[in-house]
Amino acid sequence: MSAVKDQIVDGFEGLEQVILEMVDRAAQADFTDTLDGFVPDLERTHQDHFNNRSSPDGNAWEPTHWFRPANNDHNTLEDRGVLRGSLIRGAQGNITEIVGNQLEFGTEVDYAGIHQFGATIITGIDLVPRGGKGGFLPAGTQLVIPPRPFVGMTESRVDLFTEAAADDLVSIIRN
């Protein structure tokens, strides 16, 4: 197939063939490198959600009200750092997969959904209350964990990624 930019068409019949060739090139396009290039940006922006203690849209997370007595100085969603770390390629619990022209990025940490979407949990064990101030919450107490979204992208970030992919597609079609 010759490069689209080099073709001279004779009327609309020739234009139809050029368009068909462009569609064929687009259908065969490989965006693996483009998608792989998005990963460092995704990692950086998701680490920023933890640094800023805010959701992808910039809303502040509700602070943690319950702490482990032995470690009551951690930041919200960072008791052990597993959840935060899972948003780095190759880390425990990370999902970064490029298959075909699709990128999947996120975490498979089992409690991630509780923090992303919030949950109501009935405690199975006694818990030390907020800030470790005397007393306990007995087993069977209802505990409401507010949503603290940490995975996602803003519309403007999606637009940036879309523009980069579109630029690559134009290059593929021209060559």
C-alpha atoms as a PDB file:
ATOM      1  CA  MET A   1       0.000   0.000   0.000  1.00  0.00           C
ATOM      2  CA  SER A   2       1.539   3.321  -0.985  1.00  0.00           C
ATOM      3  CA  ALA A   3       1.617   6.273   1.373  1.00  0.00           C
ATOM      4  CA  VAL A   4      -1.624   8.223   1.315  1.00  0.00           C
ATOM      5  CA  LYS A   5       0.179  11.564   0.998  1.00  0.00           C
ATOM      6  CA  ASP A   6       1.750  10.473  -2.328  1.00  0.00           C
ATOM      7  CA  GLN A   7      -1.432   9.460  -4.122  1.00  0.00           C
ATOM      8  CA  ILE A   8      -2.943  11.522  -6.886  1.00  0.00           C
ATOM      9  CA  VAL A   9      -6.615  10.812  -7.390  1.00  0.00           C
ATOM     10  CA  ASP A  10      -8.603  11.062 -10.581  1.00  0.00           C
ATOM     11  CA  GLY A  11     -12.054  12.198  -9.587  1.00  0.00           C
ATOM     12  CA  PHE A  12     -14.185  10.803  -6.817  1.00  0.00           C
ATOM     13  CA  GLU A  13     -13.489   7.181  -7.761  1.00  0.00           C
ATOM     14  CA  GLY A  14      -9.822   7.635  -6.906  1.00  0.00           C
ATOM     15  CA  LEU A  15     -10.726   9.456  -3.688  1.00  0.00           C
ATOM     16  CA  GLU A  16     -12.823   6.502  -2.581  1.00  0.00           C
ATOM     17  CA  GLN A  17      -9.784   4.213  -2.878  1.00  0.00           C
ATOM     18  CA  VAL A  18      -7.615   6.620  -0.838  1.00  0.00           C
ATOM     19  CA  ILE A  19     -10.273   6.766   1.881  1.00  0.00           C
ATOM     20  CA  LEU A  20     -10.527   2.963   1.940  1.00  0.00           C
ATOM     21  CA  GLU A  21      -6.736   2.722   2.314  1.00  0.00           C
ATOM     22  CA  MET A  22      -6.819   5.231   5.189  1.00  0.00           C
ATOM     23  CA  VAL A  23      -9.563   3.261   6.938  1.00  0.00           C
ATOM     24  CA  ASP A  24      -7.554   0.067   6.466  1.00  0.00           C
ATOM     25  CA  ARG A  25      -4.424   1.679   7.957  1.00  0.00           C
ATOM     26  CA  ALA A  26      -6.459   2.994  10.892  1.00  0.00           C
ATOM     27  CA  ALA A  27      -7.933  -0.463  11.533  1.00  0.00           C
ATOM     28  CA  GLN A  28      -4.438  -1.996  11.580  1.00  0.00           C
ATOM     29  CA  ALA A  29      -2.882   0.742  13.721  1.00  0.00           C
ATOM     30  CA  ASP A  30      -0.830  -0.421  16.685  1.00  0.00           C
ATOM     31  CA  PHE A  31      -1.033   1.963  19.634  1.00  0.00           C
ATOM     32  CA  THR A  32       1.061  -0.141  22.022  1.00  0.00           C
ATOM     33  CA  ASP A  33       3.853   2.456  22.246  1.00  0.00           C
ATOM     34  CA  THR A  34       1.376   5.312  22.608  1.00  0.00           C
ATOM     35  CA  LEU A  35      -0.498   3.557  25.408  1.00  0.00           C
ATOM     36  CA  ASP A  36       2.736   2.547  27.112  1.00  0.00           C
ATOM     37  CA  GLY A  37       3.755   6.216  27.036  1.00  0.00           C
ATOM     38  CA  PHE A  38       0.626   7.107  29.016  1.00  0.00           C
ATOM     39  CA  VAL A  39       1.578   4.887  31.973  1.00  0.00           C
ATOM     40  CA  PRO A  40       4.154   7.210  33.648  1.00  0.00           C
ATOM     41  CA  ASP A  41       1.621  10.050  33.514  1.00  0.00           C
ATOM     42  CA  LEU A  42      -1.079   7.815  35.007  1.00  0.00           C
ATOM     43  CA  GLU A  43       1.283   6.748  37.788  1.00  0.00           C
ATOM     44  CA  ARG A  44       2.289  10.341  38.537  1.00  0.00           C
ATOM     45  CA  THR A  45      -1.262  11.704  38.596  1.00  0.00           C
ATOM     46  CA  HIS A  46      -2.496   8.846  40.785  1.00  0.00           C
ATOM     47  CA  GLN A  47       0.349   9.406  43.245  1.00  0.00           C
ATOM     48  CA  ASP A  48      -0.720  13.070  43.290  1.00  0.00           C
ATOM     49  CA  HIS A  49      -4.187  11.986  44.463  1.00  0.00           C
ATOM     50  CA  PHE A  50      -2.516  10.496  47.539  1.00  0.00           C
ATOM     51  CA  ASN A  51      -0.143  13.458  47.982  1.00  0.00           C
ATOM     52  CA  ASN A  52      -3.060  15.882  47.857  1.00  0.00           C
ATOM     53  CA  ARG A  53      -5.471  13.533  49.662  1.00  0.00           C
ATOM     54  CA  SER A  54      -8.045  14.244  46.997  1.00  0.00           C
ATOM     55  CA  SER A  55     -10.089  12.530  44.329  1.00  0.00           C
ATOM     56  CA  PRO A  56      -9.263  12.806  40.626  1.00  0.00           C
ATOM     57  CA  ASP A  57     -11.691  15.721  40.356  1.00  0.00           C
ATOM     58  CA  GLY A  58      -9.873  17.584  43.161  1.00  0.00           C
ATOM     59  CA  ASN A  59     -12.379  17.060  45.990  1.00  0.00           C
ATOM     60  CA  ALA A  60     -10.650  16.505  49.331  1.00  0.00           C
ATOM     61  CA  TRP A  61     -11.012  13.089  50.920  1.00  0.00           C
ATOM     62  CA  GLU A  62     -12.789  12.911  54.235  1.00  0.00           C
ATOM     63  CA  PRO A  63     -10.002  12.394  56.782  1.00  0.00           C
ATOM     64  CA  THR A  64      -9.485   9.072  58.502  1.00  0.00           C
ATOM     65  CA  HIS A  65     -11.343   8.896  61.805  1.00  0.00           C
ATOM     66  CA  TRP A  66     -10.171   5.474  62.923  1.00  0.00           C
ATOM     67  CA  PHE A  67      -6.574   4.553  63.525  1.00  0.00           C
ATOM     68  CA  ARG A  68      -4.672   1.470  64.528  1.00  0.00           C
ATOM     69  CA  PRO A  69      -3.421   2.087  68.066  1.00  0.00           C
ATOM     70  CA  ALA A  70       0.165   1.129  67.151  1.00  0.00           C
ATOM     71  CA  ASN A  71       0.249   3.502  64.170  1.00  0.00           C
ATOM     72  CA  ASN A  72      -2.043   6.483  64.537  1.00  0.00           C
ATOM     73  CA  ASP A  73      -0.004   8.938  62.485  1.00  0.00           C
ATOM     74  CA  HIS A  74      -0.608   7.692  58.918  1.00  0.00           C
ATOM     75  CA  ASN A  75      -2.267   9.771  56.212  1.00  0.00           C
ATOM     76  CA  THR A  76      -5.699   8.924  54.876  1.00  0.00           C
ATOM     77  CA  LEU A  77      -5.600   5.679  52.836  1.00  0.00           C
ATOM     78  CA  GLU A  78      -1.924   5.138  53.674  1.00  0.00           C
ATOM     79  CA  ASP A  79      -1.856   2.853  56.701  1.00  0.00           C
ATOM     80  CA  ARG A  80       0.701   0.531  55.083  1.00  0.00           C
ATOM     81  CA  GLY A  81       1.155   2.154  51.661  1.00  0.00           C
ATOM     82  CA  VAL A  82      -0.031  -0.939  49.780  1.00  0.00           C
ATOM     83  CA  LEU A  83      -2.970   0.780  48.077  1.00  0.00           C
ATOM     84  CA  ARG A  84      -0.883   3.776  46.994  1.00  0.00           C
ATOM     85  CA  GLY A  85       1.975   1.553  45.863  1.00  0.00           C
ATOM     86  CA  SER A  86      -0.342  -0.615  43.810  1.00  0.00           C
ATOM     87  CA  LEU A  87      -0.715   2.260  41.343  1.00  0.00           C
ATOM     88  CA  ILE A  88       2.896   1.889  40.189  1.00  0.00           C
ATOM     89  CA  ARG A  89       3.661  -0.572  37.384  1.00  0.00           C
ATOM     90  CA  GLY A  90       5.211  -3.777  38.690  1.00  0.00           C
ATOM     91  CA  ALA A  91       4.228  -3.178  42.319  1.00  0.00           C
ATOM     92  CA  GLN A  92       2.201  -5.606  44.391  1.00  0.00           C
ATOM     93  CA  GLY A  93      -1.455  -5.376  43.373  1.00  0.00           C
ATOM     94  CA  ASN A  94      -0.840  -3.227  40.281  1.00  0.00           C
ATOM     95  CA  ILE A  95      -2.778  -3.721  37.074  1.00  0.00           C
ATOM     96  CA  THR A  96      -1.074  -2.261  34.027  1.00  0.00           C
ATOM     97  CA  GLU A  97      -1.886  -4.228  30.914  1.00  0.00           C
ATOM     98  CA  ILE A  98      -1.780  -3.291  27.269  1.00  0.00           C
ATOM     99  CA  VAL A  99      -3.627  -5.786  25.103  1.00  0.00           C
ATOM    100  CA  GLY A 100      -4.272  -4.885  21.513  1.00  0.00           C
ATOM    101  CA  ASN A 101      -5.150  -1.227  21.541  1.00  0.00           C
ATOM    102  CA  GLN A 102      -6.475  -1.152  25.084  1.00  0.00           C
ATOM    103  CA  LEU A 103      -4.786  -0.017  28.276  1.00  0.00           C
ATOM    104  CA  GLU A 104      -5.998  -1.244  31.638  1.00  0.00           C
ATOM    105  CA  PHE A 105      -4.573   0.610  34.648  1.00  0.00           C
ATOM    106  CA  GLY A 106      -5.550   0.261  38.283  1.00  0.00           C
ATOM    107  CA  THR A 107      -5.273  -1.902  41.348  1.00  0.00           C
ATOM    108  CA  GLU A 108      -6.357  -5.355  42.405  1.00  0.00           C
ATOM    109  CA  VAL A 109      -5.883  -4.695  46.127  1.00  0.00           C
ATOM    110  CA  ASP A 110      -8.875  -6.428  47.670  1.00  0.00           C
ATOM    111  CA  TYR A 111     -10.092  -3.461  49.731  1.00  0.00           C
ATOM    112  CA  ALA A 112      -9.622  -0.834  46.978  1.00  0.00           C
ATOM    113  CA  GLY A 113     -13.320  -0.772  46.081  1.00  0.00           C
ATOM    114  CA  ILE A 114     -14.290  -0.015  49.671  1.00  0.00           C
ATOM    115  CA  HIS A 115     -12.223   3.152  49.598  1.00  0.00           C
ATOM    116  CA  GLN A 116     -13.044   4.109  46.001  1.00  0.00           C
ATOM    117  CA  PHE A 117     -16.820   3.822  46.455  1.00  0.00           C
ATOM    118  CA  GLY A 118     -17.341   3.807  50.227  1.00  0.00           C
ATOM    119  CA  ALA A 119     -18.996   1.083  52.261  1.00  0.00           C
ATOM    120  CA  THR A 120     -20.926   0.257  55.382  1.00  0.00           C
ATOM    121  CA  ILE A 121     -19.231  -2.486  57.361  1.00  0.00           C
ATOM    122  CA  ILE A 122     -20.438  -4.378  60.389  1.00  0.00           C
ATOM    123  CA  THR A 123     -17.375  -4.917  62.572  1.00  0.00           C
ATOM    124  CA  GLY A 124     -16.466  -8.507  63.278  1.00  0.00           C
ATOM    125  CA  ILE A 125     -14.058  -7.608  66.078  1.00  0.00           C
ATOM    126  CA  ASP A 126     -13.775  -4.966  68.773  1.00  0.00           C
ATOM    127  CA  LEU A 127     -12.151  -1.733  67.511  1.00  0.00           C
ATOM    128  CA  VAL A 128     -10.415   1.167  69.256  1.00  0.00           C
ATOM    129  CA  PRO A 129     -12.450   4.311  68.549  1.00  0.00           C
ATOM    130  CA  ARG A 130     -11.456   7.463  66.715  1.00  0.00           C
ATOM    131  CA  GLY A 131      -8.077   8.806  67.718  1.00  0.00           C
ATOM    132  CA  GLY A 132      -7.611   6.024  70.282  1.00  0.00           C
ATOM    133  CA  LYS A 133      -9.688   7.913  72.893  1.00  0.00           C
ATOM    134  CA  GLY A 134     -10.703   5.311  75.506  1.00  0.00           C
ATOM    135  CA  GLY A 135     -13.271   2.564  75.098  1.00  0.00           C
ATOM    136  CA  PHE A 136     -13.999   0.240  72.216  1.00  0.00           C
ATOM    137  CA  LEU A 137     -16.529  -0.292  69.461  1.00  0.00           C
ATOM    138  CA  PRO A 138     -17.917  -3.740  70.151  1.00  0.00           C
ATOM    139  CA  ALA A 139     -18.107  -6.347  67.418  1.00  0.00           C
ATOM    140  CA  GLY A 140     -21.302  -5.909  65.425  1.00  0.00           C
ATOM    141  CA  THR A 141     -21.068  -2.101  65.271  1.00  0.00           C
ATOM    142  CA  GLN A 142     -21.942  -0.483  61.945  1.00  0.00           C
ATOM    143  CA  LEU A 143     -18.990   1.480  60.551  1.00  0.00           C
ATOM    144  CA  VAL A 144     -19.517   3.804  57.561  1.00  0.00           C
ATOM    145  CA  ILE A 145     -16.456   4.327  55.372  1.00  0.00           C
ATOM    146  CA  PRO A 146     -16.961   7.333  53.101  1.00  0.00           C
ATOM    147  CA  PRO A 147     -15.973   7.140  49.437  1.00  0.00           C
ATOM    148  CA  ARG A 148     -12.454   8.424  48.816  1.00  0.00           C
ATOM    149  CA  PRO A 149     -11.968   8.053  45.060  1.00  0.00           C
ATOM    150  CA  PHE A 150      -8.294   7.610  44.212  1.00  0.00           C
ATOM    151  CA  VAL A 151      -8.494   6.040  40.738  1.00  0.00           C
ATOM    152  CA  GLY A 152      -9.731   7.979  37.731  1.00  0.00           C
ATOM    153  CA  MET A 153      -8.941  10.787  35.341  1.00  0.00           C
ATOM    154  CA  THR A 154     -10.303  14.227  34.694  1.00  0.00           C
ATOM    155  CA  GLU A 155     -11.942  15.000  31.396  1.00  0.00           C
ATOM    156  CA  SER A 156      -9.011  17.243  30.472  1.00  0.00           C
ATOM    157  CA  ARG A 157      -6.530  14.379  31.018  1.00  0.00           C
ATOM    158  CA  VAL A 158      -8.680  12.084  28.851  1.00  0.00           C
ATOM    159  CA  ASP A 159      -8.655  14.819  26.197  1.00  0.00           C
ATOM    160  CA  LEU A 160      -4.832  14.988  26.322  1.00  0.00           C
ATOM    161  CA  PHE A 161      -4.542  11.232  25.886  1.00  0.00           C
ATOM    162  CA  THR A 162      -7.109  11.293  23.072  1.00  0.00           C
ATOM    163  CA  GLU A 163      -5.217  14.056  21.264  1.00  0.00           C
ATOM    164  CA  ALA A 164      -1.943  12.117  21.542  1.00  0.00           C
ATOM    165  CA  ALA A 165      -3.593   8.968  20.158  1.00  0.00           C
ATOM    166  CA  ALA A 166      -5.205  10.989  17.343  1.00  0.00           C
ATOM    167  CA  ASP A 167      -1.826  12.527  16.437  1.00  0.00           C
ATOM    168  CA  ASP A 168      -0.312   9.050  16.279  1.00  0.00           C
ATOM    169  CA  LEU A 169      -3.184   7.820  14.134  1.00  0.00           C
ATOM    170  CA  VAL A 170      -2.650  10.670  11.653  1.00  0.00           C
ATOM    171  CA  SER A 171       1.041   9.740  11.442  1.00  0.00           C
ATOM    172  CA  ILE A 172       0.146   6.093  10.843  1.00  0.00           C
ATOM    173  CA  ILE A 173      -2.324   6.970   8.092  1.00  0.00           C
ATOM    174  CA  ARG A 174       0.187   9.255   6.343  1.00  0.00           C
ATOM    175  CA  ASN A 175       2.981   6.706   6.346  1.00  0.00           C
END
